N, C-alpha and C. Protein backbone atom coordinates (compact mmCIF):
# COMPACT_ATOMS: atom_id res chain seq x y z
N MET A 1 29.99 78.57 48.50
CA MET A 1 29.90 78.46 49.94
C MET A 1 30.03 76.93 50.42
N ALA A 2 31.10 76.68 51.15
CA ALA A 2 31.30 75.10 51.64
C ALA A 2 30.21 74.87 52.85
N SER A 3 30.02 73.73 52.84
CA SER A 3 29.17 73.12 53.85
C SER A 3 29.95 72.09 54.57
N GLU A 4 29.73 71.87 56.00
CA GLU A 4 30.46 71.12 56.71
C GLU A 4 29.51 70.12 57.63
N LEU A 5 30.00 68.98 57.59
CA LEU A 5 29.22 67.85 58.41
C LEU A 5 30.31 67.33 59.30
N ARG A 6 29.75 66.75 60.36
CA ARG A 6 30.84 65.85 61.49
C ARG A 6 30.08 64.56 61.64
N PHE A 7 31.12 63.48 61.66
CA PHE A 7 30.70 62.14 62.06
C PHE A 7 31.72 61.37 62.76
N ARG A 8 31.37 60.31 63.41
CA ARG A 8 32.31 59.41 64.15
C ARG A 8 32.75 58.22 63.05
N LEU A 9 33.71 57.75 63.19
CA LEU A 9 34.19 56.69 62.23
C LEU A 9 34.80 55.60 62.96
N ALA A 10 34.49 54.44 62.95
CA ALA A 10 35.20 53.27 63.52
C ALA A 10 35.25 52.14 62.55
N ILE A 11 36.38 51.94 61.97
CA ILE A 11 36.74 50.78 61.01
C ILE A 11 37.91 49.98 61.61
N SER A 12 37.49 48.71 61.74
CA SER A 12 38.41 47.66 62.09
C SER A 12 39.51 47.64 61.20
N ALA A 13 40.74 47.12 61.78
CA ALA A 13 41.89 47.03 61.08
C ALA A 13 41.75 46.11 59.73
N ASP A 14 41.10 44.88 59.85
CA ASP A 14 40.62 44.21 58.71
C ASP A 14 39.93 44.86 57.72
N GLU A 15 38.88 45.63 57.94
CA GLU A 15 38.02 46.29 57.11
C GLU A 15 38.87 47.53 56.55
N ALA A 16 39.68 48.15 57.23
CA ALA A 16 40.37 49.41 56.84
C ALA A 16 41.51 48.85 55.72
N GLY A 17 41.90 47.56 55.83
CA GLY A 17 42.75 47.00 54.78
C GLY A 17 42.22 47.05 53.56
N ARG A 18 40.86 46.68 53.31
CA ARG A 18 40.18 46.81 52.22
C ARG A 18 40.11 48.38 51.54
N TYR A 19 39.95 49.26 52.21
CA TYR A 19 39.92 50.68 51.84
C TYR A 19 41.42 51.03 51.29
N TYR A 20 42.44 50.68 52.24
CA TYR A 20 43.72 50.99 51.92
C TYR A 20 44.26 50.39 50.60
N GLN A 21 43.86 49.03 50.40
CA GLN A 21 44.25 48.34 49.08
C GLN A 21 43.22 48.75 47.90
N GLY A 22 42.37 49.33 48.21
CA GLY A 22 41.51 49.90 47.01
C GLY A 22 40.34 48.98 46.60
N THR A 23 40.18 47.82 47.33
CA THR A 23 39.17 46.86 46.97
C THR A 23 37.74 47.43 47.50
N ALA A 24 37.82 48.34 48.43
CA ALA A 24 36.34 49.08 48.84
C ALA A 24 36.61 50.40 48.17
N HIS A 25 35.57 50.99 47.51
CA HIS A 25 35.90 52.16 46.90
C HIS A 25 35.18 53.49 47.34
N SER A 26 34.25 53.13 48.39
CA SER A 26 33.60 54.47 48.90
C SER A 26 33.27 53.94 50.39
N VAL A 27 33.23 55.23 51.15
CA VAL A 27 32.83 55.10 52.58
C VAL A 27 31.39 55.66 52.85
N VAL A 28 30.72 54.96 53.51
CA VAL A 28 29.25 55.58 53.79
C VAL A 28 29.08 55.63 55.30
N VAL A 29 28.81 56.86 55.78
CA VAL A 29 28.53 57.26 57.15
C VAL A 29 27.46 58.07 57.34
N THR A 30 27.02 58.06 58.54
CA THR A 30 25.64 58.99 58.98
C THR A 30 26.44 60.06 59.74
N ALA A 31 26.25 61.44 59.28
CA ALA A 31 26.66 62.51 60.03
C ALA A 31 25.66 62.65 61.42
N GLU A 32 26.21 63.67 62.14
CA GLU A 32 25.57 63.97 63.36
C GLU A 32 24.07 64.37 63.29
N ASN A 33 23.92 64.96 61.95
CA ASN A 33 22.47 65.48 61.75
C ASN A 33 21.60 64.48 61.06
N GLY A 34 22.05 63.05 61.11
CA GLY A 34 21.41 62.12 60.46
C GLY A 34 21.38 61.93 58.85
N GLN A 35 22.14 62.74 58.37
CA GLN A 35 22.42 62.71 56.91
C GLN A 35 23.32 61.69 56.53
N LYS A 36 23.07 60.85 55.46
CA LYS A 36 23.94 59.90 55.01
C LYS A 36 24.93 60.41 54.02
N LEU A 37 26.13 60.19 54.18
CA LEU A 37 27.20 60.55 53.17
C LEU A 37 27.94 59.50 52.61
N GLN A 38 28.28 59.67 51.36
CA GLN A 38 29.13 58.65 50.71
C GLN A 38 30.31 59.41 50.02
N PHE A 39 31.60 58.84 50.24
CA PHE A 39 32.74 59.70 49.75
C PHE A 39 33.68 58.62 49.17
N PRO A 40 34.73 58.98 48.46
CA PRO A 40 35.83 58.03 47.98
C PRO A 40 36.57 57.58 49.14
N ALA A 41 36.91 56.20 49.19
CA ALA A 41 37.75 55.53 50.19
C ALA A 41 39.08 56.20 50.16
N SER A 42 39.64 56.58 49.17
CA SER A 42 41.03 57.33 49.13
C SER A 42 41.07 58.37 50.14
N HIS A 43 39.99 59.07 50.65
CA HIS A 43 40.36 60.02 51.50
C HIS A 43 40.48 59.59 53.01
N ILE A 44 40.14 58.38 53.20
CA ILE A 44 40.47 57.83 54.55
C ILE A 44 41.87 57.33 54.68
N ARG A 45 42.46 57.09 53.56
CA ARG A 45 43.82 56.37 53.56
C ARG A 45 44.62 57.01 54.60
N PRO A 46 44.87 58.33 54.64
CA PRO A 46 45.88 59.02 55.43
C PRO A 46 45.65 58.77 57.04
N PHE A 47 44.48 58.46 57.27
CA PHE A 47 44.01 58.07 58.75
C PHE A 47 44.08 56.82 59.27
N ILE A 48 44.50 55.75 58.28
CA ILE A 48 44.44 54.40 58.58
C ILE A 48 45.79 54.02 59.52
N ASN A 49 45.69 53.33 60.62
CA ASN A 49 46.72 52.85 61.25
C ASN A 49 46.54 51.39 61.55
N GLN A 50 47.53 50.80 62.49
CA GLN A 50 47.24 49.46 62.70
C GLN A 50 46.13 49.01 63.59
N LEU A 51 45.38 49.90 64.06
CA LEU A 51 44.03 49.63 64.56
C LEU A 51 42.95 49.83 63.64
N GLY A 52 43.06 50.49 62.54
CA GLY A 52 41.94 50.57 61.61
C GLY A 52 41.81 52.16 61.52
N VAL A 53 40.52 52.62 61.52
CA VAL A 53 40.21 54.01 61.47
C VAL A 53 39.41 54.49 62.72
N ARG A 54 39.69 55.20 63.52
CA ARG A 54 38.73 55.73 64.55
C ARG A 54 38.97 57.14 64.95
N GLY A 55 37.78 57.63 64.94
CA GLY A 55 37.93 59.30 65.45
C GLY A 55 36.54 59.98 65.08
N TYR A 56 36.74 61.26 65.26
CA TYR A 56 35.68 62.12 65.01
C TYR A 56 36.10 63.05 63.87
N PHE A 57 35.37 63.17 62.81
CA PHE A 57 35.76 63.82 61.71
C PHE A 57 34.94 64.83 61.20
N SER A 58 35.47 65.92 60.36
CA SER A 58 34.79 67.07 59.69
C SER A 58 35.05 66.74 58.30
N ILE A 59 33.90 67.00 57.63
CA ILE A 59 33.93 66.80 56.00
C ILE A 59 33.27 68.01 55.46
N GLN A 60 34.24 68.72 54.48
CA GLN A 60 33.55 69.86 53.94
C GLN A 60 33.42 69.63 52.45
N PHE A 61 32.50 70.19 51.83
CA PHE A 61 32.14 70.09 50.46
C PHE A 61 31.34 71.33 49.93
N ASP A 62 31.54 71.48 48.73
CA ASP A 62 31.09 72.67 47.95
C ASP A 62 29.62 72.55 47.65
N LYS A 63 29.09 73.50 47.02
CA LYS A 63 27.65 73.72 46.71
C LYS A 63 27.22 72.48 45.65
N ASN A 64 28.29 71.78 44.91
CA ASN A 64 28.03 70.84 44.12
C ASN A 64 28.39 69.41 44.64
N ASN A 65 28.43 69.31 46.04
CA ASN A 65 28.59 68.14 46.76
C ASN A 65 29.96 67.69 46.46
N LYS A 66 31.05 68.45 45.94
CA LYS A 66 32.32 67.81 45.71
C LYS A 66 33.22 68.02 47.00
N LEU A 67 33.81 66.94 47.40
CA LEU A 67 34.63 66.89 48.64
C LEU A 67 35.80 68.09 48.61
N ILE A 68 35.78 68.79 49.61
CA ILE A 68 36.78 69.96 49.60
C ILE A 68 37.90 69.39 50.62
N ALA A 69 37.62 68.83 51.86
CA ALA A 69 38.42 68.50 52.73
C ALA A 69 37.75 67.31 53.70
N LEU A 70 38.58 66.61 54.39
CA LEU A 70 38.32 65.64 55.28
C LEU A 70 39.43 65.80 56.38
N LYS A 71 38.94 66.20 57.59
CA LYS A 71 39.98 66.36 58.83
C LYS A 71 39.50 65.49 59.94
N LYS A 72 40.47 65.00 60.76
CA LYS A 72 40.17 64.25 61.94
C LYS A 72 40.23 65.41 62.98
N ILE A 73 39.22 65.55 63.74
CA ILE A 73 39.17 66.52 64.75
C ILE A 73 39.42 66.11 66.13
N ALA A 74 39.20 64.79 66.44
CA ALA A 74 39.39 64.14 67.63
C ALA A 74 39.51 62.50 67.57
N ASP A 75 39.97 61.99 68.53
CA ASP A 75 40.08 60.64 68.72
C ASP A 75 38.81 59.93 68.96
């Protein structure tokens, strides 16, 4: 059974460049419920634009905490 958490993400363009180039390997966020999450930076690459990364996201993971999906659900 998959679990889902939601969080806001605001990363500047300069910092997002580190994620895009691969020099930063993981993203750490705090979900709405207060739980800290860490996941591979490669999953935010599709959401990087000239402003960086900004938005409200949903992350789904399986019972072994393996990431299933990361979706942007609002700006």
